[in-house]
Structure formats: structure tokens, C-alpha cells
Amino acid sequence: MRSVGVMLMLCALAPLAHSYCYWGLKETGQQCVDPVDKTSHDIGEKWTNSKCHTCVCSSTDFSCCDDMGRVSGYPADCEAVYDWTHCTVSVHKIDDHTITCPHVRIGK
């Protein structure tokens, strides 16, 4: 019975690992097509697209998960800045970028 409780807890924590994940069937022959960037990838390949989603191509489908997450709960005088090139996010004062702000990170 204890193992059932542990499994339920692990299932509850699973959604916190990523902001969201999605998947789809392969569109062409032996390759997967990234739905964001429209790039082709071979079976077994893992890549990160321009929206910071890490994807994997299998023999039948592909799956992608948002690895950057999102932030919320920061003060009104602060802003979240997403760096899509390096897949990072920072929260700082609007009028002074050297001062970081408290926030909650959702997802990874």
C-alpha cells in the first residue's frame, strides 16, 4: 500500500517537471518535423527548437517539452525577460536591470 502512495505522489509531481509537453505522429518517412521550426530530424535525434522546447524523434512519433518554464508572481515594478537564444529567463526591476525581483517559476 505504501508503494501506491509513493506512485501517486510521483505522478502528482510529474507535471511540475515541465511547463508543458506535446507530441505528434511523424509527418514524413524516416524523419520527424519540428512543428515550431519546420526542421527535419532523424529517428533517435534530440534537439532544442527556437522556443526552447526539447524534442525527441522516435520511430513512430515525436515529443517535445518546454524546458524554460514561465515565471509569475513578481511585483508590478518588475519584468520577466526571456532569452530565446540561451533558453533562460530573468526577472528584474523595469527601471534598473541590475536589481533582481522575487518570483515564482512554473515548470523547469
PDB file of N, CA and C in Angstrom:
ATOM      1  N   MET A   1       0.824  -1.196   0.000  1.00  0.00           N
ATOM      2  CA  MET A   1       0.000   0.000   0.000  1.00  0.00           C
ATOM      3  C   MET A   1       0.866   1.258   0.000  1.00  0.00           C
ATOM      4  N   ARG A   2       2.006   1.183   0.691  1.00  0.00           N
ATOM      5  CA  ARG A   2       2.894   2.340   0.745  1.00  0.00           C
ATOM      6  C   ARG A   2       3.417   2.692  -0.645  1.00  0.00           C
ATOM      7  N   SER A   3       3.710   1.660  -1.447  1.00  0.00           N
ATOM      8  CA  SER A   3       4.224   1.918  -2.795  1.00  0.00           C
ATOM      9  C   SER A   3       3.180   2.619  -3.661  1.00  0.00           C
ATOM     10  N   VAL A   4       1.902   2.345  -3.422  1.00  0.00           N
ATOM     11  CA  VAL A   4       0.843   3.034  -4.165  1.00  0.00           C
ATOM     12  C   VAL A   4       0.858   4.519  -3.825  1.00  0.00           C
ATOM     13  N   GLY A   5       1.043   4.839  -2.556  1.00  0.00           N
ATOM     14  CA  GLY A   5       1.118   6.240  -2.140  1.00  0.00           C
ATOM     15  C   GLY A   5       2.300   6.956  -2.764  1.00  0.00           C
ATOM     16  N   VAL A   6       3.439   6.274  -2.817  1.00  0.00           N
ATOM     17  CA  VAL A   6       4.632   6.862  -3.437  1.00  0.00           C
ATOM     18  C   VAL A   6       4.389   7.098  -4.920  1.00  0.00           C
ATOM     19  N   MET A   7       3.777   6.133  -5.597  1.00  0.00           N
ATOM     20  CA  MET A   7       3.487   6.285  -7.028  1.00  0.00           C
ATOM     21  C   MET A   7       2.545   7.466  -7.271  1.00  0.00           C
ATOM     22  N   LEU A   8       1.528   7.608  -6.440  1.00  0.00           N
ATOM     23  CA  LEU A   8       0.603   8.728  -6.602  1.00  0.00           C
ATOM     24  C   LEU A   8       1.317  10.059  -6.410  1.00  0.00           C
ATOM     25  N   MET A   9       2.238  10.116  -5.450  1.00  0.00           N
ATOM     26  CA  MET A   9       2.984  11.349  -5.225  1.00  0.00           C
ATOM     27  C   MET A   9       3.875  11.664  -6.427  1.00  0.00           C
ATOM     28  N   LEU A  10       4.533  10.653  -6.963  1.00  0.00           N
ATOM     29  CA  LEU A  10       5.386  10.868  -8.133  1.00  0.00           C
ATOM     30  C   LEU A  10       4.566  11.334  -9.332  1.00  0.00           C
ATOM     31  N   CYS A  11       3.389  10.768  -9.509  1.00  0.00           N
ATOM     32  CA  CYS A  11       2.516  11.195 -10.611  1.00  0.00           C
ATOM     33  C   CYS A  11       2.078  12.644 -10.425  1.00  0.00           C
ATOM     34  N   ALA A  12       1.844  13.043  -9.198  1.00  0.00           N
ATOM     35  CA  ALA A  12       1.440  14.426  -8.930  1.00  0.00           C
ATOM     36  C   ALA A  12       2.574  15.393  -9.209  1.00  0.00           C
ATOM     37  N   LEU A  13       3.817  14.969  -8.993  1.00  0.00           N
ATOM     38  CA  LEU A  13       4.966  15.840  -9.219  1.00  0.00           C
ATOM     39  C   LEU A  13       5.377  15.901 -10.680  1.00  0.00           C
ATOM     40  N   ALA A  14       5.016  14.921 -11.476  1.00  0.00           N
ATOM     41  CA  ALA A  14       5.440  14.874 -12.876  1.00  0.00           C
ATOM     42  C   ALA A  14       5.107  16.142 -13.655  1.00  0.00           C
ATOM     43  N   PRO A  15       3.913  16.732 -13.517  1.00  0.00           N
ATOM     44  CA  PRO A  15       3.619  17.949 -14.277  1.00  0.00           C
ATOM     45  C   PRO A  15       4.510  19.133 -13.911  1.00  0.00           C
ATOM     46  N   LEU A  16       5.143  19.105 -12.762  1.00  0.00           N
ATOM     47  CA  LEU A  16       5.992  20.220 -12.358  1.00  0.00           C
ATOM     48  C   LEU A  16       7.347  20.201 -13.050  1.00  0.00           C
ATOM     49  N   ALA A  17       7.688  19.095 -13.678  1.00  0.00           N
ATOM     50  CA  ALA A  17       8.991  18.976 -14.323  1.00  0.00           C
ATOM     51  C   ALA A  17       9.076  19.853 -15.570  1.00  0.00           C
ATOM     52  N   HIS A  18       7.993  20.049 -16.252  1.00  0.00           N
ATOM     53  CA  HIS A  18       7.957  20.857 -17.467  1.00  0.00           C
ATOM     54  C   HIS A  18       6.707  21.730 -17.433  1.00  0.00           C
ATOM     55  N   SER A  19       6.767  22.875 -18.078  1.00  0.00           N
ATOM     56  CA  SER A  19       5.566  23.694 -18.172  1.00  0.00           C
ATOM     57  C   SER A  19       4.506  22.962 -18.979  1.00  0.00           C
ATOM     58  N   TYR A  20       4.922  22.364 -20.076  1.00  0.00           N
ATOM     59  CA  TYR A  20       4.019  21.523 -20.839  1.00  0.00           C
ATOM     60  C   TYR A  20       4.811  20.689 -21.829  1.00  0.00           C
ATOM     61  N   CYS A  21       4.194  19.594 -22.239  1.00  0.00           N
ATOM     62  CA  CYS A  21       4.774  18.722 -23.259  1.00  0.00           C
ATOM     63  C   CYS A  21       3.711  18.465 -24.318  1.00  0.00           C
ATOM     64  N   TYR A  22       4.149  18.123 -25.500  1.00  0.00           N
ATOM     65  CA  TYR A  22       3.234  17.766 -26.579  1.00  0.00           C
ATOM     66  C   TYR A  22       3.912  16.742 -27.465  1.00  0.00           C
ATOM     67  N   TRP A  23       3.136  16.061 -28.262  1.00  0.00           N
ATOM     68  CA  TRP A  23       3.686  15.046 -29.143  1.00  0.00           C
ATOM     69  C   TRP A  23       2.817  14.942 -30.380  1.00  0.00           C
ATOM     70  N   GLY A  24       3.338  14.248 -31.378  1.00  0.00           N
ATOM     71  CA  GLY A  24       2.592  14.070 -32.610  1.00  0.00           C
ATOM     72  C   GLY A  24       3.174  12.935 -33.427  1.00  0.00           C
ATOM     73  N   LEU A  25       2.394  12.469 -34.385  1.00  0.00           N
ATOM     74  CA  LEU A  25       2.858  11.427 -35.288  1.00  0.00           C
ATOM     75  C   LEU A  25       3.823  12.020 -36.295  1.00  0.00           C
ATOM     76  N   LYS A  26       4.714  11.179 -36.796  1.00  0.00           N
ATOM     77  CA  LYS A  26       5.670  11.653 -37.792  1.00  0.00           C
ATOM     78  C   LYS A  26       4.934  12.019 -39.076  1.00  0.00           C
ATOM     79  N   GLU A  27       5.380  13.079 -39.713  1.00  0.00           N
ATOM     80  CA  GLU A  27       4.735  13.541 -40.938  1.00  0.00           C
ATOM     81  C   GLU A  27       5.377  12.968 -42.193  1.00  0.00           C
ATOM     82  N   THR A  28       6.674  12.676 -42.134  1.00  0.00           N
ATOM     83  CA  THR A  28       7.365  12.214 -43.333  1.00  0.00           C
ATOM     84  C   THR A  28       8.224  11.001 -43.030  1.00  0.00           C
ATOM     85  N   GLY A  29       8.306  10.070 -43.958  1.00  0.00           N
ATOM     86  CA  GLY A  29       9.162   8.890 -43.938  1.00  0.00           C
ATOM     87  C   GLY A  29       9.886   8.575 -42.656  1.00  0.00           C
ATOM     88  N   GLN A  30      11.193   8.676 -42.661  1.00  0.00           N
ATOM     89  CA  GLN A  30      12.031   8.298 -41.537  1.00  0.00           C
ATOM     90  C   GLN A  30      12.395   9.478 -40.638  1.00  0.00           C
ATOM     91  N   GLN A  31      11.854  10.650 -40.881  1.00  0.00           N
ATOM     92  CA  GLN A  31      12.230  11.818 -40.092  1.00  0.00           C
ATOM     93  C   GLN A  31      11.021  12.438 -39.398  1.00  0.00           C
ATOM     94  N   CYS A  32      11.315  13.164 -38.333  1.00  0.00           N
ATOM     95  CA  CYS A  32      10.292  13.941 -37.628  1.00  0.00           C
ATOM     96  C   CYS A  32      10.445  15.399 -38.047  1.00  0.00           C
ATOM     97  N   VAL A  33       9.335  16.114 -38.129  1.00  0.00           N
ATOM     98  CA  VAL A  33       9.366  17.535 -38.477  1.00  0.00           C
ATOM     99  C   VAL A  33       8.982  18.337 -37.240  1.00  0.00           C
ATOM    100  N   ASP A  34       9.874  19.234 -36.824  1.00  0.00           N
ATOM    101  CA  ASP A  34       9.613  20.090 -35.671  1.00  0.00           C
ATOM    102  C   ASP A  34       8.434  21.001 -36.008  1.00  0.00           C
ATOM    103  N   PRO A  35       7.362  20.987 -35.193  1.00  0.00           N
ATOM    104  CA  PRO A  35       6.192  21.805 -35.502  1.00  0.00           C
ATOM    105  C   PRO A  35       6.428  23.307 -35.358  1.00  0.00           C
ATOM    106  N   VAL A  36       7.467  23.710 -34.651  1.00  0.00           N
ATOM    107  CA  VAL A  36       7.768  25.131 -34.459  1.00  0.00           C
ATOM    108  C   VAL A  36       8.662  25.652 -35.576  1.00  0.00           C
ATOM    109  N   ASP A  37       9.793  24.987 -35.779  1.00  0.00           N
ATOM    110  CA  ASP A  37      10.796  25.472 -36.734  1.00  0.00           C
ATOM    111  C   ASP A  37      10.707  24.834 -38.114  1.00  0.00           C
ATOM    112  N   LYS A  38       9.893  23.782 -38.242  1.00  0.00           N
ATOM    113  CA  LYS A  38       9.736  23.058 -39.518  1.00  0.00           C
ATOM    114  C   LYS A  38      11.042  22.413 -39.981  1.00  0.00           C
ATOM    115  N   THR A  39      11.945  22.065 -39.042  1.00  0.00           N
ATOM    116  CA  THR A  39      13.193  21.387 -39.380  1.00  0.00           C
ATOM    117  C   THR A  39      12.993  19.877 -39.276  1.00  0.00           C
ATOM    118  N   SER A  40      13.760  19.114 -40.056  1.00  0.00           N
ATOM    119  CA  SER A  40      13.663  17.652 -40.069  1.00  0.00           C
ATOM    120  C   SER A  40      14.721  17.037 -39.163  1.00  0.00           C
ATOM    121  N   HIS A  41      14.339  15.929 -38.495  1.00  0.00           N
ATOM    122  CA  HIS A  41      15.234  15.276 -37.544  1.00  0.00           C
ATOM    123  C   HIS A  41      15.115  13.764 -37.675  1.00  0.00           C
ATOM    124  N   ASP A  42      16.250  13.069 -37.587  1.00  0.00           N
ATOM    125  CA  ASP A  42      16.302  11.618 -37.735  1.00  0.00           C
ATOM    126  C   ASP A  42      15.805  10.899 -36.484  1.00  0.00           C
ATOM    127  N   ILE A  43      15.419   9.635 -36.649  1.00  0.00           N
ATOM    128  CA  ILE A  43      14.999   8.798 -35.531  1.00  0.00           C
ATOM    129  C   ILE A  43      16.127   8.734 -34.505  1.00  0.00           C
ATOM    130  N   GLY A  44      15.790   8.930 -33.251  1.00  0.00           N
ATOM    131  CA  GLY A  44      16.764   8.905 -32.170  1.00  0.00           C
ATOM    132  C   GLY A  44      17.392  10.258 -31.877  1.00  0.00           C
ATOM    133  N   GLU A  45      17.148  11.230 -32.753  1.00  0.00           N
ATOM    134  CA  GLU A  45      17.745  12.557 -32.563  1.00  0.00           C
ATOM    135  C   GLU A  45      16.997  13.343 -31.490  1.00  0.00           C
ATOM    136  N   LYS A  46      17.756  14.119 -30.723  1.00  0.00           N
ATOM    137  CA  LYS A  46      17.207  15.025 -29.711  1.00  0.00           C
ATOM    138  C   LYS A  46      17.676  16.428 -30.066  1.00  0.00           C
ATOM    139  N   TRP A  47      16.782  17.418 -30.008  1.00  0.00           N
ATOM    140  CA  TRP A  47      17.131  18.784 -30.369  1.00  0.00           C
ATOM    141  C   TRP A  47      16.328  19.775 -29.541  1.00  0.00           C
ATOM    142  N   THR A  48      16.767  21.021 -29.548  1.00  0.00           N
ATOM    143  CA  THR A  48      16.046  22.113 -28.897  1.00  0.00           C
ATOM    144  C   THR A  48      15.692  23.129 -29.967  1.00  0.00           C
ATOM    145  N   ASN A  49      14.404  23.481 -30.073  1.00  0.00           N
ATOM    146  CA  ASN A  49      13.977  24.416 -31.117  1.00  0.00           C
ATOM    147  C   ASN A  49      14.032  25.869 -30.632  1.00  0.00           C
ATOM    148  N   SER A  50      13.601  26.780 -31.477  1.00  0.00           N
ATOM    149  CA  SER A  50      13.726  28.218 -31.197  1.00  0.00           C
ATOM    150  C   SER A  50      12.828  28.704 -30.055  1.00  0.00           C
ATOM    151  N   LYS A  51      11.874  27.894 -29.624  1.00  0.00           N
ATOM    152  CA  LYS A  51      11.017  28.250 -28.483  1.00  0.00           C
ATOM    153  C   LYS A  51      11.451  27.519 -27.217  1.00  0.00           C
ATOM    154  N   CYS A  52      12.691  26.991 -27.237  1.00  0.00           N
ATOM    155  CA  CYS A  52      13.280  26.305 -26.080  1.00  0.00           C
ATOM    156  C   CYS A  52      12.504  25.061 -25.674  1.00  0.00           C
ATOM    157  N   HIS A  53      11.958  24.360 -26.662  1.00  0.00           N
ATOM    158  CA  HIS A  53      11.319  23.076 -26.428  1.00  0.00           C
ATOM    159  C   HIS A  53      12.327  22.000 -26.810  1.00  0.00           C
ATOM    160  N   THR A  54      12.613  21.078 -25.900  1.00  0.00           N
ATOM    161  CA  THR A  54      13.497  19.960 -26.200  1.00  0.00           C
ATOM    162  C   THR A  54      12.645  18.832 -26.764  1.00  0.00           C
ATOM    163  N   CYS A  55      13.050  18.331 -27.922  1.00  0.00           N
ATOM    164  CA  CYS A  55      12.267  17.335 -28.646  1.00  0.00           C
ATOM    165  C   CYS A  55      13.082  16.073 -28.892  1.00  0.00           C
ATOM    166  N   VAL A  56      12.376  14.960 -29.078  1.00  0.00           N
ATOM    167  CA  VAL A  56      12.989  13.673 -29.388  1.00  0.00           C
ATOM    168  C   VAL A  56      12.172  13.027 -30.495  1.00  0.00           C
ATOM    169  N   CYS A  57      12.871  12.445 -31.479  1.00  0.00           N
ATOM    170  CA  CYS A  57      12.219  11.752 -32.587  1.00  0.00           C
ATOM    171  C   CYS A  57      12.328  10.245 -32.367  1.00  0.00           C
ATOM    172  N   SER A  58      11.194   9.542 -32.404  1.00  0.00           N
ATOM    173  CA  SER A  58      11.204   8.081 -32.295  1.00  0.00           C
ATOM    174  C   SER A  58      10.787   7.486 -33.641  1.00  0.00           C
ATOM    175  N   SER A  59      10.664   6.185 -33.707  1.00  0.00           N
ATOM    176  CA  SER A  59      10.326   5.539 -34.974  1.00  0.00           C
ATOM    177  C   SER A  59       8.888   5.807 -35.402  1.00  0.00           C
ATOM    178  N   THR A  60       8.014   6.185 -34.464  1.00  0.00           N
ATOM    179  CA  THR A  60       6.611   6.406 -34.809  1.00  0.00           C
ATOM    180  C   THR A  60       6.119   7.829 -34.590  1.00  0.00           C
ATOM    181  N   ASP A  61       6.801   8.584 -33.723  1.00  0.00           N
ATOM    182  CA  ASP A  61       6.305   9.918 -33.393  1.00  0.00           C
ATOM    183  C   ASP A  61       7.423  10.800 -32.855  1.00  0.00           C
ATOM    184  N   PHE A  62       7.046  11.983 -32.395  1.00  0.00           N
ATOM    185  CA  PHE A  62       7.993  12.885 -31.745  1.00  0.00           C
ATOM    186  C   PHE A  62       7.334  13.421 -30.478  1.00  0.00           C
ATOM    187  N   SER A  63       8.161  13.854 -29.533  1.00  0.00           N
ATOM    188  CA  SER A  63       7.634  14.508 -28.336  1.00  0.00           C
ATOM    189  C   SER A  63       8.518  15.701 -28.019  1.00  0.00           C
ATOM    190  N   CYS A  64       7.903  16.753 -27.506  1.00  0.00           N
ATOM    191  CA  CYS A  64       8.624  17.976 -27.152  1.00  0.00           C
ATOM    192  C   CYS A  64       8.127  18.474 -25.793  1.00  0.00           C
ATOM    193  N   CYS A  65       9.047  19.015 -24.998  1.00  0.00           N
ATOM    194  CA  CYS A  65       8.691  19.596 -23.700  1.00  0.00           C
ATOM    195  C   CYS A  65       9.337  20.966 -23.565  1.00  0.00           C
ATOM    196  N   ASP A  66       8.589  21.892 -23.010  1.00  0.00           N
ATOM    197  CA  ASP A  66       9.090  23.238 -22.754  1.00  0.00           C
ATOM    198  C   ASP A  66      10.077  23.171 -21.599  1.00  0.00           C
ATOM    199  N   ASP A  67      11.341  23.441 -21.874  1.00  0.00           N
ATOM    200  CA  ASP A  67      12.376  23.340 -20.851  1.00  0.00           C
ATOM    201  C   ASP A  67      12.664  24.647 -20.132  1.00  0.00           C
ATOM    202  N   MET A  68      12.113  25.753 -20.605  1.00  0.00           N
ATOM    203  CA  MET A  68      12.436  27.025 -19.974  1.00  0.00           C
ATOM    204  C   MET A  68      11.477  27.357 -18.836  1.00  0.00           C
ATOM    205  N   GLY A  69      10.256  26.937 -18.907  1.00  0.00           N
ATOM    206  CA  GLY A  69       9.283  27.281 -17.889  1.00  0.00           C
ATOM    207  C   GLY A  69       8.842  28.736 -18.009  1.00  0.00           C
ATOM    208  N   ARG A  70       7.978  29.141 -17.137  1.00  0.00           N
ATOM    209  CA  ARG A  70       7.470  30.513 -17.130  1.00  0.00           C
ATOM    210  C   ARG A  70       7.568  31.058 -15.711  1.00  0.00           C
ATOM    211  N   VAL A  71       7.566  32.371 -15.592  1.00  0.00           N
ATOM    212  CA  VAL A  71       7.627  32.998 -14.272  1.00  0.00           C
ATOM    213  C   VAL A  71       6.357  33.805 -14.022  1.00  0.00           C
ATOM    214  N   SER A  72       6.004  33.936 -12.753  1.00  0.00           N
ATOM    215  CA  SER A  72       4.851  34.748 -12.357  1.00  0.00           C
ATOM    216  C   SER A  72       5.062  35.175 -10.909  1.00  0.00           C
ATOM    217  N   GLY A  73       4.111  35.947 -10.395  1.00  0.00           N
ATOM    218  CA  GLY A  73       4.157  36.342  -9.001  1.00  0.00           C
ATOM    219  C   GLY A  73       5.203  37.384  -8.660  1.00  0.00           C
ATOM    220  N   TYR A  74       5.677  38.122  -9.657  1.00  0.00           N
ATOM    221  CA  TYR A  74       6.667  39.167  -9.379  1.00  0.00           C
ATOM    222  C   TYR A  74       5.967  40.520  -9.255  1.00  0.00           C
ATOM    223  N   PRO A  75       6.571  41.477  -8.550  1.00  0.00           N
ATOM    224  CA  PRO A  75       5.957  42.791  -8.326  1.00  0.00           C
ATOM    225  C   PRO A  75       5.689  43.547  -9.635  1.00  0.00           C
ATOM    226  N   ALA A  76       4.772  44.486  -9.583  1.00  0.00           N
ATOM    227  CA  ALA A  76       4.380  45.256 -10.767  1.00  0.00           C
ATOM    228  C   ALA A  76       5.511  46.110 -11.326  1.00  0.00           C
ATOM    229  N   ASP A  77       6.481  46.463 -10.501  1.00  0.00           N
ATOM    230  CA  ASP A  77       7.591  47.290 -10.997  1.00  0.00           C
ATOM    231  C   ASP A  77       8.745  46.440 -11.545  1.00  0.00           C
ATOM    232  N   CYS A  78       8.459  45.167 -11.781  1.00  0.00           N
ATOM    233  CA  CYS A  78       9.463  44.250 -12.333  1.00  0.00           C
ATOM    234  C   CYS A  78       8.961  43.668 -13.651  1.00  0.00           C
ATOM    235  N   GLU A  79       9.885  43.100 -14.410  1.00  0.00           N
ATOM    236  CA  GLU A  79       9.523  42.467 -15.674  1.00  0.00           C
ATOM    237  C   GLU A  79      10.317  41.179 -15.860  1.00  0.00           C
ATOM    238  N   ALA A  80       9.703  40.242 -16.576  1.00  0.00           N
ATOM    239  CA  ALA A  80      10.373  38.993 -16.931  1.00  0.00           C
ATOM    240  C   ALA A  80      10.968  39.159 -18.323  1.00  0.00           C
ATOM    241  N   VAL A  81      12.223  38.777 -18.473  1.00  0.00           N
ATOM    242  CA  VAL A  81      12.904  38.874 -19.763  1.00  0.00           C
ATOM    243  C   VAL A  81      13.330  37.469 -20.177  1.00  0.00           C
ATOM    244  N   TYR A  82      12.757  36.993 -21.286  1.00  0.00           N
ATOM    245  CA  TYR A  82      13.064  35.665 -21.810  1.00  0.00           C
ATOM    246  C   TYR A  82      14.149  35.779 -22.869  1.00  0.00           C
ATOM    247  N   ASP A  83      15.189  34.981 -22.727  1.00  0.00           N
ATOM    248  CA  ASP A  83      16.275  34.922 -23.706  1.00  0.00           C
ATOM    249  C   ASP A  83      16.091  33.629 -24.496  1.00  0.00           C
ATOM    250  N   TRP A  84      15.496  33.752 -25.683  1.00  0.00           N
ATOM    251  CA  TRP A  84      15.173  32.591 -26.503  1.00  0.00           C
ATOM    252  C   TRP A  84      16.418  31.984 -27.141  1.00  0.00           C
ATOM    253  N   THR A  85      17.517  32.715 -27.185  1.00  0.00           N
ATOM    254  CA  THR A  85      18.758  32.177 -27.743  1.00  0.00           C
ATOM    255  C   THR A  85      19.430  31.221 -26.761  1.00  0.00           C
ATOM    256  N   HIS A  86      19.450  31.593 -25.483  1.00  0.00           N
ATOM    257  CA  HIS A  86      20.119  30.779 -24.469  1.00  0.00           C
ATOM    258  C   HIS A  86      19.138  29.998 -23.586  1.00  0.00           C
ATOM    259  N   CYS A  87      17.840  30.147 -23.858  1.00  0.00           N
ATOM    260  CA  CYS A  87      16.787  29.441 -23.109  1.00  0.00           C
ATOM    261  C   CYS A  87      16.865  29.726 -21.609  1.00  0.00           C
ATOM    262  N   THR A  88      16.939  31.009 -21.276  1.00  0.00           N
ATOM    263  CA  THR A  88      16.952  31.434 -19.879  1.00  0.00           C
ATOM    264  C   THR A  88      15.907  32.530 -19.682  1.00  0.00           C
ATOM    265  N   VAL A  89      15.546  32.761 -18.440  1.00  0.00           N
ATOM    266  CA  VAL A  89      14.618  33.839 -18.107  1.00  0.00           C
ATOM    267  C   VAL A  89      15.126  34.521 -16.840  1.00  0.00           C
ATOM    268  N   SER A  90      15.010  35.841 -16.816  1.00  0.00           N
ATOM    269  CA  SER A  90      15.397  36.596 -15.625  1.00  0.00           C
ATOM    270  C   SER A  90      14.292  37.589 -15.296  1.00  0.00           C
ATOM    271  N   VAL A  91      14.183  37.931 -14.026  1.00  0.00           N
ATOM    272  CA  VAL A  91      13.182  38.902 -13.578  1.00  0.00           C
ATOM    273  C   VAL A  91      13.923  40.004 -12.842  1.00  0.00           C
ATOM    274  N   HIS A  92      13.722  41.243 -13.312  1.00  0.00           N
ATOM    275  CA  HIS A  92      14.430  42.373 -12.703  1.00  0.00           C
ATOM    276  C   HIS A  92      13.556  43.618 -12.721  1.00  0.00           C
ATOM    277  N   LYS A  93      13.991  44.645 -11.987  1.00  0.00           N
ATOM    278  CA  LYS A  93      13.267  45.921 -11.953  1.00  0.00           C
ATOM    279  C   LYS A  93      13.214  46.510 -13.357  1.00  0.00           C
ATOM    280  N   ILE A  94      12.092  47.099 -13.696  1.00  0.00           N
ATOM    281  CA  ILE A  94      11.922  47.696 -15.021  1.00  0.00           C
ATOM    282  C   ILE A  94      12.895  48.849 -15.225  1.00  0.00           C
ATOM    283  N   ASP A  95      13.094  49.657 -14.206  1.00  0.00           N
ATOM    284  CA  ASP A  95      13.949  50.842 -14.353  1.00  0.00           C
ATOM    285  C   ASP A  95      15.408  50.614 -13.936  1.00  0.00           C
ATOM    286  N   ASP A  96      15.729  49.410 -13.444  1.00  0.00           N
ATOM    287  CA  ASP A  96      17.112  49.103 -13.063  1.00  0.00           C
ATOM    288  C   ASP A  96      17.358  47.600 -13.226  1.00  0.00           C
ATOM    289  N   HIS A  97      17.910  47.234 -14.353  1.00  0.00           N
ATOM    290  CA  HIS A  97      18.099  45.821 -14.687  1.00  0.00           C
ATOM    291  C   HIS A  97      19.128  45.114 -13.815  1.00  0.00           C
ATOM    292  N   THR A  98      19.819  45.841 -12.948  1.00  0.00           N
ATOM    293  CA  THR A  98      20.794  45.208 -12.057  1.00  0.00           C
ATOM    294  C   THR A  98      20.148  44.668 -10.785  1.00  0.00           C
ATOM    295  N   ILE A  99      18.885  45.024 -10.553  1.00  0.00           N
ATOM    296  CA  ILE A  99      18.178  44.572  -9.351  1.00  0.00           C
ATOM    297  C   ILE A  99      17.207  43.460  -9.731  1.00  0.00           C
ATOM    298  N   THR A 100      17.437  42.261  -9.196  1.00  0.00           N
ATOM    299  CA  THR A 100      16.542  41.144  -9.477  1.00  0.00           C
ATOM    300  C   THR A 100      15.324  41.202  -8.562  1.00  0.00           C
ATOM    301  N   CYS A 101      14.256  40.564  -9.000  1.00  0.00           N
ATOM    302  CA  CYS A 101      12.995  40.578  -8.258  1.00  0.00           C
ATOM    303  C   CYS A 101      12.594  39.162  -7.850  1.00  0.00           C
ATOM    304  N   PRO A 102      11.895  39.050  -6.723  1.00  0.00           N
ATOM    305  CA  PRO A 102      11.387  37.737  -6.317  1.00  0.00           C
ATOM    306  C   PRO A 102      10.298  37.293  -7.292  1.00  0.00           C
ATOM    307  N   HIS A 103      10.234  36.003  -7.539  1.00  0.00           N
ATOM    308  CA  HIS A 103       9.240  35.473  -8.465  1.00  0.00           C
ATOM    309  C   HIS A 103       9.061  33.977  -8.230  1.00  0.00           C
ATOM    310  N   VAL A 104       8.048  33.444  -8.842  1.00  0.00           N
ATOM    311  CA  VAL A 104       7.770  32.012  -8.808  1.00  0.00           C
ATOM    312  C   VAL A 104       8.013  31.482 -10.208  1.00  0.00           C
ATOM    313  N   ARG A 105       8.714  30.370 -10.293  1.00  0.00           N
ATOM    314  CA  ARG A 105       8.976  29.763 -11.600  1.00  0.00           C
ATOM    315  C   ARG A 105       8.084  28.544 -11.751  1.00  0.00           C
ATOM    316  N   ILE A 106       7.363  28.509 -12.863  1.00  0.00           N
ATOM    317  CA  ILE A 106       6.463  27.405 -13.155  1.00  0.00           C
ATOM    318  C   ILE A 106       7.115  26.569 -14.243  1.00  0.00           C
ATOM    319  N   GLY A 107       7.235  25.303 -14.017  1.00  0.00           N
ATOM    320  CA  GLY A 107       7.889  24.442 -14.998  1.00  0.00           C
ATOM    321  C   GLY A 107       9.328  24.240 -14.623  1.00  0.00           C
ATOM    322  N   LYS A 108      10.125  24.020 -15.608  1.00  0.00           N
ATOM    323  CA  LYS A 108      11.526  23.663 -15.374  1.00  0.00           C
ATOM    324  C   LYS A 108      12.344  24.755 -14.774  1.00  0.00           C
TER     325      LYS A 108
END
